[in-house]
Amino acid sequence: MISTSLSHLADVLGGRLVVRGTDTPDTPDTTVSGDVDTDSRLIEPGGIFVAKPGEATDGHLFVAAAVERGAALAIVERELDDAVSQIVVADAVAALSDLARDVVGRVRAGGDLRIVGITGSNGKTTTKNLLARILSDEGDTVSPRASFNNEVGAPLTMLRVTDDTRYLVSEFGASGPGAIAHLAGLVTPDIGVVLMVGMAHAGGFGGIESTFHAKSELVRATRPGGLAVLNADDPRVAAMEPIARERDLEVRWFGRGERAQVRAVDVEVSASGTRADLLVDGEPHTLTLHVLGEHHVMNALAALTAAIALGVSAADAIARLETVEIAERWRMQPLGSDRVRIINDAYNASPDSMAAALRTLAQITGPDERTVAVLGAMSELGEYADEEHDRVGLLAVRLRIQRIVIVGPEARRMFLEAIAQGSWDGEAVFFADADAAYDYLSTELRDGDRVLVKSSNSAGLRHLGDRLGDLFA
């Protein structure tokens, strides 16, 4: 974080400053500049610890641990006896947002910081990583670790900017209506990227139309005169164009249709990656993307569109995209070996991403190889859960997946639908938990198998994917 006095921080947070210290007591003019975190285990000397209350524990219990690791300041909701200066606030999570707004605003006012916000029902983390890879060769770039895209993770990312930061790439998830508006409003992005509007989290929003309104909050929060990067192939994203025009935003389109200025005209998928012929404002280019899955071409197009708008040449951006090997751990991550290839994509799952992963499995498996899909539940679908799990079971059968392994009671409808659609004689099997599935797969898998492990994070199959990867490495 940029250097800031304790008194300024207290003013920004609307909190009460408690000045303390050990050998040399602090004063209101004492400055702090360390990293900000809510995890005491990650605090380094000079850092700022935010004592966030949680569902399972309370961050105030770990202030002493943060002090032992060298914390220079604690942001707390009640004054503690620990020998560290504290700012006492009403809401520690809200304080994170207030601090991020102030820090990013001061950096932006004093330099040439450019900010890109990314949202969408799927693909946010991959697109963020691809864009950050492109921009990192242009200048100091800050982007989220993993999927830091909520009311805690997004501000923590923003607080990593310094006076030397040239690009901030923010990923915005939505826990409900208004969440993206709040997060994007902290920084008012210069560029807003909307990837797609799908069924992910539809249960929490009350349906697909409510999801549309939630994702469009990024367009409404983008700086007037800035840029909206929109998916030309998604009718709901395309319907955000009038909102962009109201904000006096330029609109740049990516996709596979003729409307897109950054367009994939031909795509070939293989086990080693995806090759795409592109047209960028009419100029031909070729992209060889090593990240598995045809659907990641759209994420690459979105990152490419934003990078070009920031002044990166198409040729340079494409060359940098081609250096990316995986999108992120547990996202279409190749494990195992050529003998038995495991694709661990079990960090997140929605109906759209589940379908894309299954199609990728079918596309990359040769005629002498066998497709195996290990599938768990998709979370946050609410009243749509039964129908969408049925659809996945049906799709697996229609794609002729040769072994369908369903894990966990929340995913059982996939198994029942696969059976109902004609998958029998052991083609589809069900296990109550990951350990039982592992015992089965450790003896069932054979040379030439191509195995997809796919579920929402809450189902825990990512660890099953890791175990299988180690077994067949």
Protein backbone atom coordinates (compact mmCIF):
# COMPACT_ATOMS: atom_id res chain seq x y z
CA MET A 1 0.00 0.00 0.00
CA ILE A 2 1.14 3.57 -0.55
CA SER A 3 2.56 5.39 2.47
CA THR A 4 -0.19 6.88 4.61
CA SER A 5 -0.29 8.49 8.05
CA LEU A 6 -2.31 6.93 10.82
CA SER A 7 -4.37 10.09 11.21
CA HIS A 8 -5.26 10.12 7.52
CA LEU A 9 -6.30 6.50 7.68
CA ALA A 10 -8.50 7.15 10.70
CA ASP A 11 -10.18 10.03 8.86
CA VAL A 12 -10.75 7.94 5.71
CA LEU A 13 -12.22 5.06 7.70
CA GLY A 14 -14.25 7.24 10.02
CA GLY A 15 -12.63 5.38 12.91
CA ARG A 16 -11.08 6.11 16.28
CA LEU A 17 -7.29 6.05 16.33
CA VAL A 18 -5.64 4.27 19.25
CA VAL A 19 -1.92 5.06 19.15
CA ARG A 20 0.32 2.44 20.67
CA GLY A 21 3.71 0.91 20.19
CA THR A 22 6.46 -0.99 21.90
CA ASP A 23 9.96 0.47 21.99
CA THR A 24 9.07 3.65 20.10
CA PRO A 25 5.38 4.59 20.48
CA ASP A 26 3.57 5.72 17.35
CA THR A 27 2.09 9.16 16.84
CA PRO A 28 -0.83 10.26 14.60
CA ASP A 29 1.79 11.31 12.05
CA THR A 30 3.39 7.86 11.93
CA THR A 31 3.14 6.42 8.42
CA VAL A 32 2.42 2.86 7.37
CA SER A 33 2.96 1.37 3.91
CA GLY A 34 2.85 -2.39 4.31
CA ASP A 35 0.54 -4.87 2.62
CA VAL A 36 -3.02 -5.13 3.88
CA ASP A 37 -4.50 -8.54 4.67
CA THR A 38 -7.25 -10.29 6.61
CA ASP A 39 -5.14 -13.42 7.14
CA SER A 40 -2.70 -13.06 10.03
CA ARG A 41 -0.54 -15.83 8.54
CA LEU A 42 0.23 -13.62 5.53
CA ILE A 43 1.19 -10.51 7.48
CA GLU A 44 4.76 -9.34 6.96
CA PRO A 45 6.72 -6.71 8.92
CA GLY A 46 5.04 -3.33 8.53
CA GLY A 47 1.79 -4.85 7.35
CA ILE A 48 -1.77 -3.85 8.17
CA PHE A 49 -4.07 -6.49 9.62
CA VAL A 50 -7.83 -6.18 9.22
CA ALA A 51 -9.63 -8.10 11.97
CA LYS A 52 -12.61 -9.27 9.94
CA PRO A 53 -15.32 -11.18 11.80
CA GLY A 54 -16.14 -14.44 10.03
CA GLU A 55 -18.75 -17.17 10.08
CA ALA A 56 -16.42 -19.71 11.67
CA THR A 57 -14.04 -17.51 13.64
CA ASP A 58 -13.22 -13.90 14.50
CA GLY A 59 -10.24 -12.01 13.15
CA HIS A 60 -9.83 -10.24 16.49
CA LEU A 61 -8.56 -13.53 17.91
CA PHE A 62 -5.58 -13.34 15.57
CA VAL A 63 -4.41 -9.77 16.15
CA ALA A 64 -1.72 -11.01 18.54
CA ALA A 65 -0.47 -13.41 15.87
CA ALA A 66 -0.38 -10.59 13.35
CA VAL A 67 1.62 -8.44 15.79
CA GLU A 68 4.10 -11.29 16.27
CA ARG A 69 4.58 -11.32 12.50
CA GLY A 70 5.32 -7.60 12.51
CA ALA A 71 1.98 -5.87 11.90
CA ALA A 72 2.27 -2.10 12.21
CA LEU A 73 -1.47 -1.44 12.44
CA ALA A 74 -4.67 -3.33 13.16
CA ILE A 75 -8.07 -2.26 11.88
CA VAL A 76 -10.54 -3.59 14.44
CA GLU A 77 -14.17 -3.36 15.48
CA ARG A 78 -13.32 -3.17 19.18
CA GLU A 79 -10.24 -1.89 21.00
CA LEU A 80 -7.82 -4.61 22.06
CA ASP A 81 -4.97 -4.73 24.59
CA ASP A 82 -2.39 -5.77 22.00
CA ALA A 83 0.69 -3.55 21.69
CA VAL A 84 -0.09 -2.25 18.21
CA SER A 85 -1.76 0.92 16.98
CA GLN A 86 -5.40 0.37 16.09
CA ILE A 87 -8.16 2.09 14.20
CA VAL A 88 -11.51 1.13 15.69
CA VAL A 89 -14.29 1.08 13.09
CA ALA A 90 -17.92 0.02 13.02
CA ASP A 91 -17.46 -2.49 10.18
CA ALA A 92 -14.06 -3.90 9.23
CA VAL A 93 -15.21 -5.14 5.80
CA ALA A 94 -16.69 -1.74 4.95
CA ALA A 95 -13.42 -0.17 6.12
CA LEU A 96 -11.56 -2.28 3.55
CA SER A 97 -13.69 -0.73 0.80
CA ASP A 98 -13.18 2.79 2.13
CA LEU A 99 -9.44 2.26 2.29
CA ALA A 100 -9.27 0.83 -1.23
CA ARG A 101 -11.28 3.74 -2.65
CA ASP A 102 -8.91 6.25 -1.04
CA VAL A 103 -5.66 4.51 -2.03
CA VAL A 104 -6.65 3.90 -5.66
CA GLY A 105 -8.00 7.44 -5.96
CA ARG A 106 -4.75 8.96 -4.73
CA VAL A 107 -2.61 6.78 -6.99
CA ARG A 108 -4.80 7.57 -9.97
CA ALA A 109 -4.67 11.30 -9.28
CA GLY A 110 -0.89 11.26 -9.12
CA GLY A 111 0.01 9.12 -12.13
CA ASP A 112 -1.11 7.23 -15.21
CA LEU A 113 -2.91 4.30 -13.55
CA ARG A 114 -5.38 2.57 -15.91
CA ILE A 115 -8.05 0.31 -14.48
CA VAL A 116 -9.85 -2.61 -16.12
CA GLY A 117 -12.85 -4.28 -14.49
CA ILE A 118 -13.96 -7.77 -15.57
CA THR A 119 -17.22 -9.56 -14.82
CA GLY A 120 -19.34 -12.37 -16.25
CA SER A 121 -21.00 -15.57 -15.18
CA ASN A 122 -17.97 -17.59 -16.33
CA GLY A 123 -14.42 -16.89 -17.41
CA LYS A 124 -13.54 -13.97 -15.12
CA THR A 125 -10.44 -15.50 -13.56
CA THR A 126 -9.07 -16.84 -16.83
CA THR A 127 -9.61 -13.53 -18.61
CA LYS A 128 -8.06 -11.64 -15.72
CA ASN A 129 -4.97 -13.85 -15.85
CA LEU A 130 -4.65 -13.56 -19.62
CA LEU A 131 -4.96 -9.78 -19.57
CA ALA A 132 -2.53 -9.44 -16.67
CA ARG A 133 -0.01 -11.54 -18.60
CA ILE A 134 -0.29 -9.21 -21.59
CA LEU A 135 -0.05 -6.02 -19.55
CA SER A 136 2.78 -7.16 -17.26
CA ASP A 137 5.26 -6.65 -20.11
CA GLU A 138 4.02 -3.06 -20.52
CA GLY A 139 4.41 -1.94 -16.91
CA ASP A 140 3.76 -2.75 -13.27
CA THR A 141 0.44 -4.63 -13.19
CA VAL A 142 -1.69 -5.55 -10.18
CA SER A 143 -4.28 -8.30 -10.55
CA PRO A 144 -6.12 -10.58 -8.11
CA ARG A 145 -4.61 -13.69 -6.62
CA ALA A 146 -6.80 -16.71 -7.43
CA SER A 147 -10.43 -15.50 -7.49
CA PHE A 148 -10.20 -12.46 -5.24
CA ASN A 149 -13.40 -10.90 -6.55
CA ASN A 150 -15.73 -10.36 -3.60
CA GLU A 151 -16.23 -7.67 -0.96
CA VAL A 152 -12.99 -8.70 0.73
CA GLY A 153 -10.81 -10.01 -2.09
CA ALA A 154 -11.42 -7.17 -4.55
CA PRO A 155 -10.42 -4.38 -2.10
CA LEU A 156 -7.37 -6.36 -0.96
CA THR A 157 -6.25 -6.49 -4.59
CA MET A 158 -6.86 -2.77 -5.06
CA LEU A 159 -4.75 -2.02 -1.98
CA ARG A 160 -1.70 -3.59 -3.63
CA VAL A 161 -1.35 -0.65 -6.03
CA THR A 162 1.59 1.71 -5.56
CA ASP A 163 2.71 4.92 -7.21
CA ASP A 164 4.55 2.76 -9.74
CA THR A 165 1.49 0.71 -10.74
CA ARG A 166 0.45 1.29 -14.33
CA TYR A 167 -2.43 -1.19 -14.62
CA LEU A 168 -4.96 -2.51 -12.15
CA VAL A 169 -6.98 -5.49 -13.39
CA SER A 170 -9.97 -6.10 -11.10
CA GLU A 171 -12.27 -9.10 -11.18
CA PHE A 172 -15.80 -8.51 -9.91
CA GLY A 173 -18.03 -11.33 -8.68
CA ALA A 174 -21.56 -10.85 -7.47
CA SER A 175 -23.05 -12.24 -4.28
CA GLY A 176 -26.29 -10.46 -5.09
CA PRO A 177 -27.76 -7.34 -6.71
CA GLY A 178 -25.65 -4.25 -6.09
CA ALA A 179 -22.42 -6.13 -5.32
CA ILE A 180 -20.70 -5.32 -8.62
CA ALA A 181 -21.93 -1.73 -8.48
CA HIS A 182 -20.30 -1.38 -5.07
CA LEU A 183 -16.98 -2.99 -5.99
CA ALA A 184 -16.62 -1.29 -9.37
CA GLY A 185 -17.69 1.98 -7.80
CA LEU A 186 -14.61 1.89 -5.58
CA VAL A 187 -12.35 2.42 -8.61
CA THR A 188 -14.58 3.53 -11.56
CA PRO A 189 -12.79 1.44 -14.23
CA ASP A 190 -11.57 2.96 -17.47
CA ILE A 191 -12.55 -0.27 -19.24
CA GLY A 192 -15.40 -2.57 -18.30
CA VAL A 193 -15.33 -6.11 -19.73
CA VAL A 194 -18.49 -8.25 -19.66
CA LEU A 195 -17.93 -11.85 -20.71
CA MET A 196 -21.31 -13.56 -20.55
CA VAL A 197 -24.60 -13.75 -18.67
CA GLY A 198 -25.36 -17.34 -17.73
CA MET A 199 -26.95 -19.47 -15.04
CA ALA A 200 -24.07 -19.27 -12.56
CA HIS A 201 -25.45 -17.97 -9.22
CA ALA A 202 -28.92 -17.66 -10.77
CA GLY A 203 -30.42 -19.05 -7.59
CA GLY A 204 -29.10 -16.13 -5.59
CA PHE A 205 -30.33 -13.56 -8.09
CA GLY A 206 -33.80 -14.90 -8.79
CA GLY A 207 -33.26 -15.80 -12.45
CA ILE A 208 -31.35 -14.99 -15.58
CA GLU A 209 -32.82 -11.51 -16.04
CA SER A 210 -31.74 -10.51 -12.56
CA THR A 211 -28.29 -11.85 -13.38
CA PHE A 212 -28.29 -9.60 -16.47
CA HIS A 213 -29.02 -6.55 -14.35
CA ALA A 214 -26.30 -7.52 -11.87
CA LYS A 215 -23.63 -7.95 -14.56
CA SER A 216 -24.65 -4.71 -16.29
CA GLU A 217 -23.73 -2.86 -13.10
CA LEU A 218 -20.12 -2.89 -14.32
CA VAL A 219 -21.07 -1.00 -17.48
CA ARG A 220 -22.95 1.56 -15.40
CA ALA A 221 -19.91 1.98 -13.12
CA THR A 222 -17.33 2.43 -15.90
CA ARG A 223 -15.90 5.93 -16.17
CA PRO A 224 -17.85 8.17 -18.57
CA GLY A 225 -15.87 8.44 -21.78
CA GLY A 226 -14.27 5.06 -21.14
CA LEU A 227 -14.73 1.76 -22.94
CA ALA A 228 -17.13 -1.18 -22.68
CA VAL A 229 -15.73 -4.47 -24.02
CA LEU A 230 -18.76 -6.65 -24.75
CA ASN A 231 -19.39 -10.20 -25.98
CA ALA A 232 -21.09 -9.85 -29.35
CA ASP A 233 -22.25 -13.50 -29.28
CA ASP A 234 -24.21 -13.26 -26.02
CA PRO A 235 -27.54 -11.50 -26.63
CA ARG A 236 -27.82 -10.45 -22.99
CA VAL A 237 -24.37 -8.90 -23.00
CA ALA A 238 -25.09 -7.26 -26.36
CA ALA A 239 -28.21 -5.76 -24.79
CA MET A 240 -25.93 -3.71 -22.54
CA GLU A 241 -24.91 -1.51 -25.47
CA PRO A 242 -27.62 1.14 -24.77
CA ILE A 243 -26.42 1.33 -21.16
CA ALA A 244 -22.88 1.91 -22.44
CA ARG A 245 -24.06 4.64 -24.79
CA GLU A 246 -25.89 6.36 -21.94
CA ARG A 247 -22.58 6.43 -20.07
CA ASP A 248 -20.85 7.91 -23.14
CA LEU A 249 -18.73 4.77 -23.44
CA GLU A 250 -17.10 3.55 -26.59
CA VAL A 251 -18.11 -0.06 -27.31
CA ARG A 252 -15.71 -2.69 -28.63
CA TRP A 253 -17.04 -6.14 -29.49
CA PHE A 254 -15.34 -9.53 -29.27
CA GLY A 255 -16.70 -12.90 -30.36
CA ARG A 256 -17.08 -15.21 -33.31
CA GLY A 257 -19.79 -13.40 -35.24
CA GLU A 258 -19.28 -10.75 -37.90
CA ARG A 259 -20.18 -7.92 -35.54
CA ALA A 260 -17.05 -8.49 -33.47
CA GLN A 261 -14.06 -6.25 -34.13
CA VAL A 262 -11.83 -8.83 -32.43
CA ARG A 263 -13.08 -12.08 -33.91
CA ALA A 264 -12.23 -15.77 -34.06
CA VAL A 265 -13.18 -17.04 -37.51
CA ASP A 266 -11.90 -20.60 -37.27
CA VAL A 267 -11.09 -22.68 -34.17
CA GLU A 268 -9.40 -26.08 -33.91
CA VAL A 269 -9.27 -27.90 -30.57
CA SER A 270 -6.71 -30.54 -29.59
CA ALA A 271 -5.31 -32.11 -26.43
CA SER A 272 -2.39 -29.67 -26.52
CA GLY A 273 -4.49 -26.52 -26.79
CA THR A 274 -6.54 -24.52 -29.23
CA ARG A 275 -5.60 -22.87 -32.50
CA ALA A 276 -7.69 -19.96 -33.74
CA ASP A 277 -7.58 -17.78 -36.83
CA LEU A 278 -8.42 -14.23 -35.79
CA LEU A 279 -9.46 -11.02 -37.43
CA VAL A 280 -8.50 -7.93 -35.44
CA ASP A 281 -10.12 -4.90 -37.05
CA GLY A 282 -9.93 -6.81 -40.32
CA GLU A 283 -6.28 -7.82 -39.98
CA PRO A 284 -5.58 -11.59 -39.89
CA HIS A 285 -3.69 -13.17 -36.98
CA THR A 286 -3.22 -16.68 -35.62
CA LEU A 287 -3.47 -17.58 -31.94
CA THR A 288 -2.22 -20.85 -30.48
CA LEU A 289 -3.64 -20.99 -26.98
CA HIS A 290 -2.21 -23.66 -24.70
CA VAL A 291 -5.03 -23.34 -22.18
CA LEU A 292 -7.34 -26.30 -22.79
CA GLY A 293 -10.86 -25.70 -24.05
CA GLU A 294 -12.51 -24.00 -26.98
CA HIS A 295 -14.42 -21.76 -24.58
CA HIS A 296 -11.18 -20.12 -23.47
CA VAL A 297 -10.81 -18.59 -26.92
CA MET A 298 -13.58 -16.17 -25.97
CA ASN A 299 -11.71 -15.24 -22.80
CA ALA A 300 -8.58 -14.65 -24.87
CA LEU A 301 -10.53 -12.45 -27.29
CA ALA A 302 -11.84 -10.36 -24.40
CA ALA A 303 -8.33 -9.92 -22.95
CA LEU A 304 -6.96 -9.09 -26.40
CA THR A 305 -9.66 -6.47 -26.99
CA ALA A 306 -8.94 -4.73 -23.70
CA ALA A 307 -5.17 -4.86 -24.22
CA ILE A 308 -5.42 -3.31 -27.69
CA ALA A 309 -7.55 -0.52 -26.25
CA LEU A 310 -4.73 0.16 -23.79
CA GLY A 311 -2.24 0.57 -26.62
CA VAL A 312 -0.73 -2.92 -26.90
CA SER A 313 -0.27 -4.12 -30.46
CA ALA A 314 -2.28 -7.17 -31.48
CA ALA A 315 0.87 -9.07 -32.44
CA ASP A 316 2.54 -8.44 -29.07
CA ALA A 317 -0.63 -9.30 -27.13
CA ILE A 318 -1.11 -12.57 -29.02
CA ALA A 319 2.53 -13.57 -28.52
CA ARG A 320 2.13 -13.09 -24.77
CA LEU A 321 -1.13 -15.04 -24.68
CA GLU A 322 0.70 -17.95 -26.27
CA THR A 323 3.07 -18.16 -23.29
CA VAL A 324 0.23 -18.98 -20.84
CA GLU A 325 0.17 -22.70 -20.02
CA ILE A 326 -2.82 -22.94 -17.67
CA ALA A 327 -5.53 -20.47 -16.72
CA GLU A 328 -5.25 -21.15 -12.99
CA ARG A 329 -4.86 -24.13 -10.71
CA TRP A 330 -7.98 -26.35 -10.84
CA ARG A 331 -9.21 -24.69 -14.03
CA MET A 332 -8.79 -27.06 -17.00
CA GLN A 333 -5.48 -28.03 -15.40
CA PRO A 334 -3.76 -30.98 -17.14
CA LEU A 335 -2.45 -33.58 -14.70
CA GLY A 336 -1.44 -37.22 -14.88
CA SER A 337 0.51 -38.31 -17.94
CA ASP A 338 0.11 -39.17 -21.60
CA ARG A 339 -0.97 -42.61 -20.38
CA VAL A 340 -3.91 -41.34 -18.31
CA ARG A 341 -4.60 -37.63 -18.71
CA ILE A 342 -6.54 -35.93 -15.90
CA ILE A 343 -8.15 -32.53 -16.55
CA ASN A 344 -8.87 -30.96 -13.16
CA ASP A 345 -11.54 -28.29 -13.62
CA ALA A 346 -13.21 -28.53 -10.24
CA TYR A 347 -12.71 -25.05 -8.80
CA ASN A 348 -16.05 -23.78 -10.05
CA ALA A 349 -18.97 -25.00 -12.10
CA SER A 350 -22.10 -23.62 -13.70
CA PRO A 351 -24.34 -25.10 -16.39
CA ASP A 352 -22.40 -23.19 -19.06
CA SER A 353 -18.93 -24.12 -17.83
CA MET A 354 -19.98 -27.73 -17.23
CA ALA A 355 -21.21 -28.01 -20.82
CA ALA A 356 -18.05 -26.37 -22.17
CA ALA A 357 -15.79 -28.72 -20.22
CA LEU A 358 -17.71 -31.82 -21.34
CA ARG A 359 -17.52 -30.72 -24.97
CA THR A 360 -13.79 -30.14 -24.59
CA LEU A 361 -13.37 -33.65 -23.20
CA ALA A 362 -15.16 -35.07 -26.23
CA GLN A 363 -13.13 -32.92 -28.64
CA ILE A 364 -9.68 -33.80 -27.33
CA THR A 365 -10.19 -37.56 -26.98
CA GLY A 366 -8.95 -39.65 -29.89
CA PRO A 367 -10.77 -42.63 -31.44
CA ASP A 368 -8.63 -45.14 -29.54
CA GLU A 369 -9.01 -43.33 -26.22
CA ARG A 370 -11.81 -43.35 -23.66
CA THR A 371 -13.73 -40.39 -22.23
CA VAL A 372 -14.36 -40.40 -18.49
CA ALA A 373 -16.31 -37.60 -16.79
CA VAL A 374 -16.14 -37.33 -12.99
CA LEU A 375 -18.86 -34.84 -12.08
CA GLY A 376 -20.04 -33.22 -8.86
CA ALA A 377 -22.69 -30.71 -7.94
CA MET A 378 -23.11 -27.19 -9.30
CA SER A 379 -23.85 -24.81 -6.43
CA GLU A 380 -25.91 -21.62 -6.13
CA LEU A 381 -28.56 -22.60 -8.66
CA GLY A 382 -31.48 -22.42 -6.23
CA GLU A 383 -34.78 -23.49 -7.76
CA TYR A 384 -33.01 -24.24 -11.07
CA ALA A 385 -30.72 -26.89 -9.56
CA ASP A 386 -32.74 -29.99 -10.46
CA GLU A 387 -33.36 -28.95 -14.05
CA GLU A 388 -29.76 -27.90 -14.68
CA HIS A 389 -28.28 -31.06 -13.18
CA ASP A 390 -30.64 -33.07 -15.38
CA ARG A 391 -29.36 -31.17 -18.42
CA VAL A 392 -25.76 -32.06 -17.60
CA GLY A 393 -26.60 -35.75 -17.29
CA LEU A 394 -28.39 -35.62 -20.63
CA LEU A 395 -25.50 -33.79 -22.31
CA ALA A 396 -22.96 -36.33 -21.05
CA VAL A 397 -24.97 -39.10 -22.70
CA ARG A 398 -25.47 -37.18 -25.94
CA LEU A 399 -21.73 -36.50 -26.14
CA ARG A 400 -21.22 -40.26 -25.73
CA ILE A 401 -19.03 -39.94 -22.67
CA GLN A 402 -18.02 -43.54 -22.07
CA ARG A 403 -17.78 -43.47 -18.28
CA ILE A 404 -19.90 -41.04 -16.26
CA VAL A 405 -18.90 -40.97 -12.60
CA ILE A 406 -21.23 -38.88 -10.42
CA VAL A 407 -20.05 -37.94 -6.92
CA GLY A 408 -22.11 -36.63 -4.01
CA PRO A 409 -25.81 -36.65 -3.17
CA GLU A 410 -26.33 -33.09 -4.49
CA ALA A 411 -25.26 -34.33 -7.95
CA ARG A 412 -27.28 -37.56 -7.96
CA ARG A 413 -29.79 -36.24 -10.50
CA MET A 414 -27.03 -36.23 -13.12
CA PHE A 415 -26.67 -39.98 -12.58
CA LEU A 416 -30.42 -40.61 -12.68
CA GLU A 417 -30.80 -38.60 -15.89
CA ALA A 418 -27.88 -40.41 -17.53
CA ILE A 419 -29.52 -43.73 -16.70
CA ALA A 420 -32.88 -42.48 -17.96
CA GLN A 421 -31.31 -41.39 -21.25
CA GLY A 422 -29.83 -44.80 -22.00
CA SER A 423 -26.54 -44.97 -20.09
CA TRP A 424 -26.42 -48.48 -18.57
CA ASP A 425 -24.17 -51.49 -17.96
CA GLY A 426 -21.78 -49.49 -15.78
CA GLU A 427 -21.41 -46.54 -18.14
CA ALA A 428 -22.82 -44.31 -15.38
CA VAL A 429 -22.01 -44.91 -11.72
CA PHE A 430 -22.73 -43.01 -8.53
CA PHE A 431 -20.66 -42.61 -5.37
CA ALA A 432 -21.63 -40.83 -2.19
CA ASP A 433 -18.23 -39.21 -1.66
CA ALA A 434 -14.87 -38.51 -3.24
CA ASP A 435 -13.04 -41.28 -1.35
CA ALA A 436 -15.37 -43.92 -2.76
CA ALA A 437 -15.00 -42.46 -6.23
CA TYR A 438 -11.20 -42.52 -5.89
CA ASP A 439 -11.22 -46.19 -4.89
CA TYR A 440 -13.27 -46.99 -7.98
CA LEU A 441 -11.27 -44.83 -10.40
CA SER A 442 -7.88 -46.06 -9.14
CA THR A 443 -8.71 -49.50 -10.49
CA GLU A 444 -11.10 -48.57 -13.33
CA LEU A 445 -8.91 -46.08 -15.21
CA ARG A 446 -6.63 -47.52 -17.89
CA ASP A 447 -4.14 -46.46 -20.52
CA GLY A 448 -5.67 -44.10 -23.05
CA ASP A 449 -8.27 -42.62 -20.71
CA ARG A 450 -8.97 -38.91 -20.82
CA VAL A 451 -10.59 -37.89 -17.54
CA LEU A 452 -12.46 -34.69 -16.74
CA VAL A 453 -13.01 -33.82 -13.05
CA LYS A 454 -15.61 -31.05 -12.83
CA SER A 455 -17.70 -29.58 -10.01
CA SER A 456 -18.27 -26.47 -7.97
CA ASN A 457 -15.68 -25.67 -5.34
CA SER A 458 -18.02 -26.68 -2.52
CA ALA A 459 -18.17 -30.26 -3.83
CA GLY A 460 -14.45 -30.68 -3.14
CA LEU A 461 -13.63 -32.69 -6.27
CA ARG A 462 -10.58 -30.55 -7.01
CA HIS A 463 -8.73 -32.60 -4.38
CA LEU A 464 -9.94 -35.81 -6.02
CA GLY A 465 -8.52 -34.49 -9.29
CA ASP A 466 -5.17 -33.83 -7.61
CA ARG A 467 -5.10 -37.35 -6.13
CA LEU A 468 -5.81 -38.90 -9.51
CA GLY A 469 -3.17 -36.70 -11.12
CA ASP A 470 -0.57 -37.89 -8.63
CA LEU A 471 -1.66 -41.52 -9.05
CA PHE A 472 -1.16 -41.49 -12.82
CA ALA A 473 1.76 -39.05 -13.04
